[in-house]
Protein backbone atom coordinates (compact mmCIF):
# COMPACT_ATOMS: atom_id res chain seq x y z
CA UNK A 1 1.19 19.66 -5.19
CA UNK A 2 -2.02 21.51 -4.58
CA UNK A 3 -3.59 20.72 -1.18
CA UNK A 4 -6.91 20.16 -2.96
CA UNK A 5 -5.47 17.05 -4.62
CA UNK A 6 -3.89 15.54 -1.50
CA UNK A 7 -7.03 14.58 0.39
CA UNK A 8 -8.78 12.84 -2.51
CA UNK A 9 -5.62 10.84 -3.22
CA UNK A 10 -5.52 9.73 0.43
CA UNK A 11 -9.20 8.74 0.26
CA UNK A 12 -8.66 6.79 -2.95
CA UNK A 13 -5.64 4.98 -1.47
CA UNK A 14 -7.66 4.07 1.64
CA UNK A 15 -10.58 2.72 -0.40
CA UNK A 16 -8.34 0.79 -2.82
CA UNK A 17 -6.30 -0.79 -0.01
CA UNK A 18 -9.45 -1.75 1.87
CA UNK A 19 -10.98 -3.30 -1.25
CA UNK A 20 -7.72 -5.10 -1.92
CA UNK A 21 -7.69 -6.44 1.63
CA UNK A 22 -11.22 -7.77 1.33
CA UNK A 23 -10.49 -9.29 -2.08
CA UNK A 24 -7.33 -10.95 -0.81
CA UNK A 25 -9.11 -12.47 2.19
CA UNK A 26 -11.96 -13.71 0.01
CA UNK A 27 -9.60 -15.20 -2.58
CA UNK A 28 -7.51 -17.07 -0.02
CA UNK A 29 -10.62 -18.26 1.80
CA UNK A 30 -12.12 -19.61 -1.43
CA UNK A 31 -8.85 -21.30 -2.38
CA UNK A 32 -8.67 -22.88 1.08
CA UNK A 33 -12.21 -24.19 0.72
CA UNK A 34 -11.46 -25.62 -2.72
CA UNK A 35 -8.42 -27.45 -1.37
CA UNK A 36 -10.41 -28.71 1.62
CA UNK A 37 -13.45 -29.93 -0.34
CA UNK A 38 -11.49 -31.61 -3.10
CA UNK A 39 -8.93 -33.07 -0.69
CA UNK A 40 -6.11 -31.81 -2.91
CA UNK A 41 -2.53 -32.39 -1.91
CA UNK A 42 0.71 -30.86 -3.07
CA UNK A 43 3.81 -33.07 -2.77
CA UNK A 44 2.17 -35.17 -0.07
CA UNK A 45 1.18 -32.28 2.22
CA UNK A 46 -1.92 -32.71 4.32
CA UNK A 47 -4.89 -30.99 2.61
CA UNK A 48 -6.27 -29.80 5.96
CA UNK A 49 -2.98 -28.06 6.76
CA UNK A 50 -2.90 -26.48 3.30
CA UNK A 51 -6.49 -25.28 3.65
CA UNK A 52 -5.91 -23.82 7.10
CA UNK A 53 -2.65 -22.21 6.00
CA UNK A 54 -4.32 -20.55 3.02
CA UNK A 55 -7.09 -19.13 5.19
CA UNK A 56 -4.64 -17.95 7.88
CA UNK A 57 -2.38 -16.29 5.31
CA UNK A 58 -5.37 -14.54 3.78
CA UNK A 59 -6.43 -13.20 7.17
CA UNK A 60 -2.91 -12.04 8.06
CA UNK A 61 -2.32 -10.26 4.75
CA UNK A 62 -5.85 -8.89 4.81
CA UNK A 63 -5.22 -7.43 8.26
CA UNK A 64 -1.97 -5.92 6.99
CA UNK A 65 -3.75 -4.18 4.11
CA UNK A 66 -6.54 -3.02 6.45
CA UNK A 67 -3.89 -1.41 8.67
CA UNK A 68 -2.38 0.26 5.61
CA UNK A 69 -5.84 1.47 4.58
CA UNK A 70 -6.38 2.80 8.12
CA UNK A 71 -3.12 4.75 7.89
CA UNK A 72 -4.25 6.28 4.57
CA UNK A 73 -7.69 6.99 6.06
CA UNK A 74 -6.12 8.85 8.97
CA UNK A 75 -4.09 10.90 6.51
CA UNK A 76 -7.28 11.76 4.60
CA UNK A 77 -9.25 12.69 7.71
CA UNK A 78 -6.50 14.70 9.41
CA UNK A 79 -5.06 16.19 6.21
CA UNK A 80 -1.56 15.71 7.60
CA UNK A 81 1.22 13.52 6.33
CA UNK A 82 1.66 10.04 7.76
CA UNK A 83 4.17 9.71 10.57
CA UNK A 84 5.74 6.88 12.49
CA UNK A 85 4.03 3.53 12.10
CA UNK A 86 1.57 4.78 9.48
CA UNK A 87 4.38 6.05 7.26
CA UNK A 88 6.24 2.76 7.68
CA UNK A 89 3.11 0.80 6.77
CA UNK A 90 2.50 2.86 3.65
CA UNK A 91 6.13 2.57 2.55
CA UNK A 92 6.05 -1.20 3.08
CA UNK A 93 2.76 -1.39 1.14
CA UNK A 94 4.44 0.44 -1.74
CA UNK A 95 7.33 -2.04 -1.68
CA UNK A 96 4.92 -4.99 -1.54
CA UNK A 97 2.98 -3.66 -4.53
CA UNK A 98 6.20 -3.15 -6.48
CA UNK A 99 7.28 -6.73 -5.79
CA UNK A 100 3.83 -8.10 -6.57
CA UNK A 101 3.77 -6.15 -9.83
CA UNK A 102 7.06 -7.73 -10.83
CA UNK A 103 5.72 -11.18 -9.94
CA UNK A 104 2.21 -11.11 -11.44
CA UNK A 105 3.16 -10.21 -15.01
CA UNK A 106 3.85 -13.82 -16.02
CA UNK A 107 1.37 -15.94 -14.04
CA UNK A 108 -1.61 -13.54 -13.99
CA UNK A 109 -1.09 -11.16 -16.90
CA UNK A 110 -0.59 -7.53 -17.80
CA UNK A 111 -3.90 -6.36 -16.28
CA UNK A 112 -2.81 -7.42 -12.79
CA UNK A 113 0.57 -5.80 -13.39
CA UNK A 114 -1.06 -2.50 -14.35
CA UNK A 115 -3.34 -2.64 -11.29
CA UNK A 116 -0.37 -3.18 -8.96
CA UNK A 117 1.58 -0.35 -10.58
CA UNK A 118 -1.41 2.00 -10.29
CA UNK A 119 -1.77 1.20 -6.58
CA UNK A 120 1.99 1.64 -6.14
CA UNK A 121 1.80 5.02 -7.88
CA UNK A 122 -1.12 6.12 -5.69
CA UNK A 123 0.72 5.21 -2.50
CA UNK A 124 3.89 6.97 -3.64
CA UNK A 125 1.83 10.01 -4.67
CA UNK A 126 0.24 10.05 -1.21
CA UNK A 127 3.63 9.87 0.49
CA UNK A 128 5.23 12.49 -1.76
CA UNK A 129 2.46 15.09 -1.68
CA UNK A 130 2.45 15.22 2.08
CA UNK A 131 6.25 15.13 2.17
CA UNK A 132 6.35 18.45 0.31
CA UNK A 133 4.61 20.34 3.12
CA UNK A 134 7.08 19.27 5.79
CA UNK A 135 10.13 20.68 4.02
CA UNK A 136 11.64 23.99 5.01
CA UNK A 137 11.24 26.90 2.67
CA UNK A 138 13.86 27.20 -0.05
CA UNK A 139 16.89 29.29 0.87
CA UNK A 140 17.21 32.79 -0.55
CA UNK A 141 17.62 32.90 -4.31
CA UNK A 142 21.14 33.27 -5.69
CA UNK A 143 20.52 36.80 -6.91
CA UNK A 144 19.28 38.00 -3.51
CA UNK A 145 21.57 40.42 -1.67
CA UNK A 146 23.67 38.80 1.01
CA UNK A 147 23.88 40.58 4.32
CA UNK A 148 27.39 41.03 5.71
CA UNK A 149 28.30 38.74 8.56
CA UNK A 150 28.72 40.23 11.98
CA UNK A 151 32.33 40.32 13.23
């Protein structure tokens, strides 16, 4: 793919993952507050534990998506493919979005499914466009003359 397209895709992935992280933290925090203020309980669980767990899970998953956004941001700034931990984070984010897409269709609806698939496609596009540059050049074409081997 054209190098002109790679950087904007990396920037878009970084912004989308950061926005998703902030939205996820806010959603879990609000849900935790609702449970805490209404003293809701699920199957006899302590509402304070449920509230704290919701907030902690939101922070942990938010931090995960912020790290993924940071990996995409580094790709955009450096204009080099992700390597090591950053590549692993982006691959795991793609898997998470694929699983979430499969899950959200029923409970949330098609709009959430489409959003998850779009984010998945952006992450895969980011990984694949930078993967192209690291490959070795194609071997000689089949119709190219072959040099005789040395004895």
